[in-house]
Amino acid sequence: MSDPAASPDTILAALRQLGDGPPDEEVSVGTLVRRLDARAQSLSLFLLAAPNLTPGPSIPGFSTIFGVPLCIVAFEMMLGRPHLRLPGFIARRTFQRRRVAAFIDRLTPLLLRFERLLKPRWPRFAASSRQVGAACFVLGILLTFPIPIFSLLPAMVILVIALGRLARDGLVVAIGLALGLLTAVSFAVLVWIGYEAVT
């Protein structure tokens, strides 16, 4: 089952709803996911990948914080489940709404850059939920490795795939999957170089 098609404007509208409410109010991750409705899987992939495109990934362990729940979301997609179900320890975690709203504001320029690229096409790739889940699961695992700068690659690829699915743009999804393969190959090369350097 694929997510409903959405333009960058409607994606932004859905995200901004997450920050609606009293700024000091605590809101749980489970509540936020329920407000994302049928787009929860793709939007969750997007939200978990996006922070890794900030300077944060240079901090040891930063990418792992987002990589682990991202793997959970991707695994749900691999199983073909149409709705996102999070483990209790993640669903119960809370944030202040002002932090959620500020994060969404930082994502706005990124979404707007994709505005002219996204449109419904290549439906076969756009609807490939299990394949996308498998690819994002592997990329999520790569994201958890504390390798400075490298985490930018899987994060960007996951973001591209998530946006492609949200807009039902199979071409963008296909490009993301191809980039994901290149990212996995790049990781294997880095591991091989590291192994050769210590032996």
C-alpha atoms as a PDB file:
ATOM      1  CA  MET A   1       0.000   0.000   0.000  1.00  0.00           C
ATOM      2  CA  SER A   2       1.503   3.355  -0.984  1.00  0.00           C
ATOM      3  CA  ASP A   3       1.125   6.690   0.730  1.00  0.00           C
ATOM      4  CA  PRO A   4      -1.239   9.267  -0.764  1.00  0.00           C
ATOM      5  CA  ALA A   5       0.474  11.565  -3.262  1.00  0.00           C
ATOM      6  CA  ALA A   6       1.467  14.927  -1.847  1.00  0.00           C
ATOM      7  CA  SER A   7       3.113  18.105  -3.085  1.00  0.00           C
ATOM      8  CA  PRO A   8       5.863  19.858  -1.079  1.00  0.00           C
ATOM      9  CA  ASP A   9       3.176  22.291   0.129  1.00  0.00           C
ATOM     10  CA  THR A  10       0.944  19.534   1.475  1.00  0.00           C
ATOM     11  CA  ILE A  11       3.943  17.743   3.006  1.00  0.00           C
ATOM     12  CA  LEU A  12       4.841  20.977   4.791  1.00  0.00           C
ATOM     13  CA  ALA A  13       1.234  21.424   5.898  1.00  0.00           C
ATOM     14  CA  ALA A  14       1.193  17.916   7.400  1.00  0.00           C
ATOM     15  CA  LEU A  15       4.500  18.524   9.182  1.00  0.00           C
ATOM     16  CA  ARG A  16       3.446  21.910  10.526  1.00  0.00           C
ATOM     17  CA  GLN A  17       0.388  20.332  12.119  1.00  0.00           C
ATOM     18  CA  LEU A  18       2.780  18.483  14.414  1.00  0.00           C
ATOM     19  CA  GLY A  19       3.844  21.779  15.973  1.00  0.00           C
ATOM     20  CA  ASP A  20       0.326  23.151  16.393  1.00  0.00           C
ATOM     21  CA  GLY A  21      -0.619  23.727  20.028  1.00  0.00           C
ATOM     22  CA  PRO A  22       0.730  25.397  23.190  1.00  0.00           C
ATOM     23  CA  PRO A  23       4.519  25.846  22.788  1.00  0.00           C
ATOM     24  CA  ASP A  24       5.323  24.444  26.242  1.00  0.00           C
ATOM     25  CA  GLU A  25       3.051  21.420  25.884  1.00  0.00           C
ATOM     26  CA  GLU A  26       4.781  18.033  25.964  1.00  0.00           C
ATOM     27  CA  VAL A  27       3.785  15.768  23.078  1.00  0.00           C
ATOM     28  CA  SER A  28       4.710  12.098  22.660  1.00  0.00           C
ATOM     29  CA  VAL A  29       6.223  10.521  19.569  1.00  0.00           C
ATOM     30  CA  GLY A  30       3.231   8.172  19.428  1.00  0.00           C
ATOM     31  CA  THR A  31       0.846  11.140  19.263  1.00  0.00           C
ATOM     32  CA  LEU A  32       2.888  12.748  16.484  1.00  0.00           C
ATOM     33  CA  VAL A  33       2.842   9.542  14.443  1.00  0.00           C
ATOM     34  CA  ARG A  34      -0.930   9.213  14.805  1.00  0.00           C
ATOM     35  CA  ARG A  35      -1.336  12.745  13.430  1.00  0.00           C
ATOM     36  CA  LEU A  36       0.632  11.775  10.319  1.00  0.00           C
ATOM     37  CA  ASP A  37      -2.118   9.278   9.320  1.00  0.00           C
ATOM     38  CA  ALA A  38      -1.448   7.118   6.225  1.00  0.00           C
ATOM     39  CA  ARG A  39       1.753   8.994   5.402  1.00  0.00           C
ATOM     40  CA  ALA A  40       3.352   8.116   8.733  1.00  0.00           C
ATOM     41  CA  GLN A  41       5.932   5.690   7.350  1.00  0.00           C
ATOM     42  CA  SER A  42       7.339   7.945   4.632  1.00  0.00           C
ATOM     43  CA  LEU A  43       7.144  11.096   6.762  1.00  0.00           C
ATOM     44  CA  SER A  44       8.845   9.290   9.642  1.00  0.00           C
ATOM     45  CA  LEU A  45      11.693   8.239   7.335  1.00  0.00           C
ATOM     46  CA  PHE A  46      11.980  11.852   6.215  1.00  0.00           C
ATOM     47  CA  LEU A  47      11.965  13.233   9.775  1.00  0.00           C
ATOM     48  CA  LEU A  48      14.524  10.704  11.015  1.00  0.00           C
ATOM     49  CA  ALA A  49      16.887  11.265   8.085  1.00  0.00           C
ATOM     50  CA  ALA A  50      16.736  15.072   7.968  1.00  0.00           C
ATOM     51  CA  PRO A  51      18.568  15.834  11.276  1.00  0.00           C
ATOM     52  CA  ASN A  52      21.610  13.996   9.941  1.00  0.00           C
ATOM     53  CA  LEU A  53      22.039  16.655   7.247  1.00  0.00           C
ATOM     54  CA  THR A  54      22.883  19.222   9.938  1.00  0.00           C
ATOM     55  CA  PRO A  55      26.322  19.651  11.604  1.00  0.00           C
ATOM     56  CA  GLY A  56      25.182  17.141  14.234  1.00  0.00           C
ATOM     57  CA  PRO A  57      26.552  14.016  12.492  1.00  0.00           C
ATOM     58  CA  SER A  58      30.088  15.103  13.430  1.00  0.00           C
ATOM     59  CA  ILE A  59      29.135  14.433  17.078  1.00  0.00           C
ATOM     60  CA  PRO A  60      29.908  10.800  17.997  1.00  0.00           C
ATOM     61  CA  GLY A  61      26.712   8.770  18.252  1.00  0.00           C
ATOM     62  CA  PHE A  62      24.443  11.482  16.803  1.00  0.00           C
ATOM     63  CA  SER A  63      23.470   9.520  13.702  1.00  0.00           C
ATOM     64  CA  THR A  64      22.861   6.378  15.781  1.00  0.00           C
ATOM     65  CA  ILE A  65      20.115   8.169  17.742  1.00  0.00           C
ATOM     66  CA  PHE A  66      18.103   8.510  14.539  1.00  0.00           C
ATOM     67  CA  GLY A  67      19.385   5.420  12.749  1.00  0.00           C
ATOM     68  CA  VAL A  68      17.933   2.891  15.195  1.00  0.00           C
ATOM     69  CA  PRO A  69      14.279   4.102  15.065  1.00  0.00           C
ATOM     70  CA  LEU A  70      14.682   4.588  11.308  1.00  0.00           C
ATOM     71  CA  CYS A  71      15.571   0.899  11.002  1.00  0.00           C
ATOM     72  CA  ILE A  72      12.400   0.047  12.953  1.00  0.00           C
ATOM     73  CA  VAL A  73      10.247   2.078  10.545  1.00  0.00           C
ATOM     74  CA  ALA A  74      11.969   0.512   7.529  1.00  0.00           C
ATOM     75  CA  PHE A  75      11.517  -2.996   8.974  1.00  0.00           C
ATOM     76  CA  GLU A  76       7.779  -2.349   9.333  1.00  0.00           C
ATOM     77  CA  MET A  77       7.709  -1.450   5.629  1.00  0.00           C
ATOM     78  CA  MET A  78       9.654  -4.605   4.748  1.00  0.00           C
ATOM     79  CA  LEU A  79       6.933  -6.648   6.440  1.00  0.00           C
ATOM     80  CA  GLY A  80       4.325  -4.930   4.304  1.00  0.00           C
ATOM     81  CA  ARG A  81       2.484  -3.335   7.213  1.00  0.00           C
ATOM     82  CA  PRO A  82       0.375  -0.386   5.969  1.00  0.00           C
ATOM     83  CA  HIS A  83       0.465   1.519   9.267  1.00  0.00           C
ATOM     84  CA  LEU A  84       3.422   2.439  11.425  1.00  0.00           C
ATOM     85  CA  ARG A  85       3.677   0.753  14.825  1.00  0.00           C
ATOM     86  CA  LEU A  86       6.433   1.934  17.134  1.00  0.00           C
ATOM     87  CA  PRO A  87       7.868   0.156  20.191  1.00  0.00           C
ATOM     88  CA  GLY A  88       6.497   1.579  23.433  1.00  0.00           C
ATOM     89  CA  PHE A  89       9.806   3.074  24.589  1.00  0.00           C
ATOM     90  CA  ILE A  90       9.936   5.202  21.428  1.00  0.00           C
ATOM     91  CA  ALA A  91       6.203   6.024  21.271  1.00  0.00           C
ATOM     92  CA  ARG A  92       6.259   7.309  24.872  1.00  0.00           C
ATOM     93  CA  ARG A  93       9.170   9.686  24.389  1.00  0.00           C
ATOM     94  CA  THR A  94       8.039  13.325  24.628  1.00  0.00           C
ATOM     95  CA  PHE A  95       9.149  16.689  23.247  1.00  0.00           C
ATOM     96  CA  GLN A  96       7.995  20.258  23.731  1.00  0.00           C
ATOM     97  CA  ARG A  97       5.880  21.457  20.804  1.00  0.00           C
ATOM     98  CA  ARG A  98       8.115  24.497  20.346  1.00  0.00           C
ATOM     99  CA  ARG A  99      11.045  22.179  19.601  1.00  0.00           C
ATOM    100  CA  VAL A 100       8.965  20.257  17.075  1.00  0.00           C
ATOM    101  CA  ALA A 101       7.810  23.501  15.400  1.00  0.00           C
ATOM    102  CA  ALA A 102      11.376  24.875  15.280  1.00  0.00           C
ATOM    103  CA  PHE A 103      12.628  21.664  13.676  1.00  0.00           C
ATOM    104  CA  ILE A 104       9.896  21.791  11.017  1.00  0.00           C
ATOM    105  CA  ASP A 105      10.809  25.427  10.262  1.00  0.00           C
ATOM    106  CA  ARG A 106      14.400  24.363   9.617  1.00  0.00           C
ATOM    107  CA  LEU A 107      13.198  21.705   7.171  1.00  0.00           C
ATOM    108  CA  THR A 108      11.084  24.140   5.131  1.00  0.00           C
ATOM    109  CA  PRO A 109      13.884  25.425   2.822  1.00  0.00           C
ATOM    110  CA  LEU A 110      14.956  21.839   2.128  1.00  0.00           C
ATOM    111  CA  LEU A 111      11.447  20.832   1.076  1.00  0.00           C
ATOM    112  CA  LEU A 112      10.978  23.896  -1.086  1.00  0.00           C
ATOM    113  CA  ARG A 113      14.143  23.045  -3.037  1.00  0.00           C
ATOM    114  CA  PHE A 114      12.434  19.837  -4.171  1.00  0.00           C
ATOM    115  CA  GLU A 115       9.260  21.647  -5.187  1.00  0.00           C
ATOM    116  CA  ARG A 116       9.912  21.649  -8.937  1.00  0.00           C
ATOM    117  CA  LEU A 117      11.261  18.103  -9.036  1.00  0.00           C
ATOM    118  CA  LEU A 118       8.421  16.114  -7.490  1.00  0.00           C
ATOM    119  CA  LYS A 119       5.398  14.924  -9.466  1.00  0.00           C
ATOM    120  CA  PRO A 120       3.441  11.657  -9.772  1.00  0.00           C
ATOM    121  CA  ARG A 121       5.131   9.288 -12.285  1.00  0.00           C
ATOM    122  CA  TRP A 122       6.608   5.804 -12.579  1.00  0.00           C
ATOM    123  CA  PRO A 123       3.906   4.287 -10.313  1.00  0.00           C
ATOM    124  CA  ARG A 124       5.590   0.883 -10.094  1.00  0.00           C
ATOM    125  CA  PHE A 125       8.586   2.322  -8.240  1.00  0.00           C
ATOM    126  CA  ALA A 126       6.438   4.735  -6.235  1.00  0.00           C
ATOM    127  CA  ALA A 127       4.416   1.836  -4.802  1.00  0.00           C
ATOM    128  CA  SER A 128       7.364  -0.461  -3.994  1.00  0.00           C
ATOM    129  CA  SER A 129       6.887  -0.440  -0.228  1.00  0.00           C
ATOM    130  CA  ARG A 130       8.740  -3.667   0.657  1.00  0.00           C
ATOM    131  CA  GLN A 131      11.721  -2.880  -1.593  1.00  0.00           C
ATOM    132  CA  VAL A 132      11.948   0.649  -0.245  1.00  0.00           C
ATOM    133  CA  GLY A 133      11.740  -0.713   3.287  1.00  0.00           C
ATOM    134  CA  ALA A 134      14.593  -3.159   2.634  1.00  0.00           C
ATOM    135  CA  ALA A 135      16.769  -0.434   1.087  1.00  0.00           C
ATOM    136  CA  CYS A 136      16.081   2.019   3.917  1.00  0.00           C
ATOM    137  CA  PHE A 137      16.739  -0.699   6.500  1.00  0.00           C
ATOM    138  CA  VAL A 138      20.228  -1.257   5.077  1.00  0.00           C
ATOM    139  CA  LEU A 139      20.813   2.501   4.833  1.00  0.00           C
ATOM    140  CA  GLY A 140      19.572   2.908   8.409  1.00  0.00           C
ATOM    141  CA  ILE A 141      22.133   0.353   9.571  1.00  0.00           C
ATOM    142  CA  LEU A 142      24.864   2.287   7.743  1.00  0.00           C
ATOM    143  CA  LEU A 143      23.585   5.444   9.424  1.00  0.00           C
ATOM    144  CA  THR A 144      24.197   3.949  12.860  1.00  0.00           C
ATOM    145  CA  PHE A 145      27.932   3.555  12.265  1.00  0.00           C
ATOM    146  CA  PRO A 146      29.856   6.433  13.918  1.00  0.00           C
ATOM    147  CA  ILE A 147      31.757   7.416  10.770  1.00  0.00           C
ATOM    148  CA  PRO A 148      32.174  11.221  10.558  1.00  0.00           C
ATOM    149  CA  ILE A 149      30.698  12.829   7.429  1.00  0.00           C
ATOM    150  CA  PHE A 150      29.751   9.449   5.885  1.00  0.00           C
ATOM    151  CA  SER A 151      26.348   9.513   7.619  1.00  0.00           C
ATOM    152  CA  LEU A 152      25.391  12.375   5.310  1.00  0.00           C
ATOM    153  CA  LEU A 153      25.212   9.930   2.393  1.00  0.00           C
ATOM    154  CA  PRO A 154      22.655   7.402   3.697  1.00  0.00           C
ATOM    155  CA  ALA A 155      20.675  10.237   5.308  1.00  0.00           C
ATOM    156  CA  MET A 156      20.389  12.145   2.029  1.00  0.00           C
ATOM    157  CA  VAL A 157      19.432   8.996   0.111  1.00  0.00           C
ATOM    158  CA  ILE A 158      16.700   8.089   2.617  1.00  0.00           C
ATOM    159  CA  LEU A 159      15.379  11.640   2.451  1.00  0.00           C
ATOM    160  CA  VAL A 160      15.196  11.469  -1.363  1.00  0.00           C
ATOM    161  CA  ILE A 161      13.394   8.107  -1.248  1.00  0.00           C
ATOM    162  CA  ALA A 162      10.924   9.338   1.394  1.00  0.00           C
ATOM    163  CA  LEU A 163      10.069  12.465  -0.592  1.00  0.00           C
ATOM    164  CA  GLY A 164       9.652  10.388  -3.750  1.00  0.00           C
ATOM    165  CA  ARG A 165       7.157   8.103  -2.006  1.00  0.00           C
ATOM    166  CA  LEU A 166       5.249  11.006  -0.483  1.00  0.00           C
ATOM    167  CA  ALA A 167       4.847  12.634  -3.906  1.00  0.00           C
ATOM    168  CA  ARG A 168       4.263   9.219  -5.536  1.00  0.00           C
ATOM    169  CA  ASP A 169       7.212  10.059  -7.773  1.00  0.00           C
ATOM    170  CA  GLY A 170       8.641   6.704  -8.848  1.00  0.00           C
ATOM    171  CA  LEU A 171      11.493   8.303 -10.776  1.00  0.00           C
ATOM    172  CA  VAL A 172      12.804  10.007  -7.640  1.00  0.00           C
ATOM    173  CA  VAL A 173      12.369   6.759  -5.690  1.00  0.00           C
ATOM    174  CA  ALA A 174      14.320   4.855  -8.373  1.00  0.00           C
ATOM    175  CA  ILE A 175      17.096   7.457  -8.293  1.00  0.00           C
ATOM    176  CA  GLY A 176      17.172   7.143  -4.500  1.00  0.00           C
ATOM    177  CA  LEU A 177      17.445   3.345  -4.684  1.00  0.00           C
ATOM    178  CA  ALA A 178      20.320   3.625  -7.171  1.00  0.00           C
ATOM    179  CA  LEU A 179      22.074   6.120  -4.914  1.00  0.00           C
ATOM    180  CA  GLY A 180      21.475   3.747  -2.011  1.00  0.00           C
ATOM    181  CA  LEU A 181      23.315   0.990  -3.846  1.00  0.00           C
ATOM    182  CA  LEU A 182      26.232   3.352  -4.498  1.00  0.00           C
ATOM    183  CA  THR A 183      26.238   4.312  -0.821  1.00  0.00           C
ATOM    184  CA  ALA A 184      26.421   0.667   0.235  1.00  0.00           C
ATOM    185  CA  VAL A 185      29.300   0.085  -2.206  1.00  0.00           C
ATOM    186  CA  SER A 186      31.067   3.184  -0.862  1.00  0.00           C
ATOM    187  CA  PHE A 187      30.721   1.843   2.671  1.00  0.00           C
ATOM    188  CA  ALA A 188      32.166  -1.518   1.629  1.00  0.00           C
ATOM    189  CA  VAL A 189      35.118   0.274   0.019  1.00  0.00           C
ATOM    190  CA  LEU A 190      35.708   2.303   3.207  1.00  0.00           C
ATOM    191  CA  VAL A 191      35.662  -0.879   5.292  1.00  0.00           C
ATOM    192  CA  TRP A 192      38.102  -2.564   2.900  1.00  0.00           C
ATOM    193  CA  ILE A 193      40.460   0.440   2.974  1.00  0.00           C
ATOM    194  CA  GLY A 194      40.290   0.503   6.779  1.00  0.00           C
ATOM    195  CA  TYR A 195      40.994  -3.224   6.953  1.00  0.00           C
ATOM    196  CA  GLU A 196      43.961  -2.922   4.626  1.00  0.00           C
ATOM    197  CA  ALA A 197      45.333  -0.021   6.654  1.00  0.00           C
ATOM    198  CA  VAL A 198      45.435  -2.012   9.916  1.00  0.00           C
ATOM    199  CA  THR A 199      46.720  -5.300   8.507  1.00  0.00           C
END
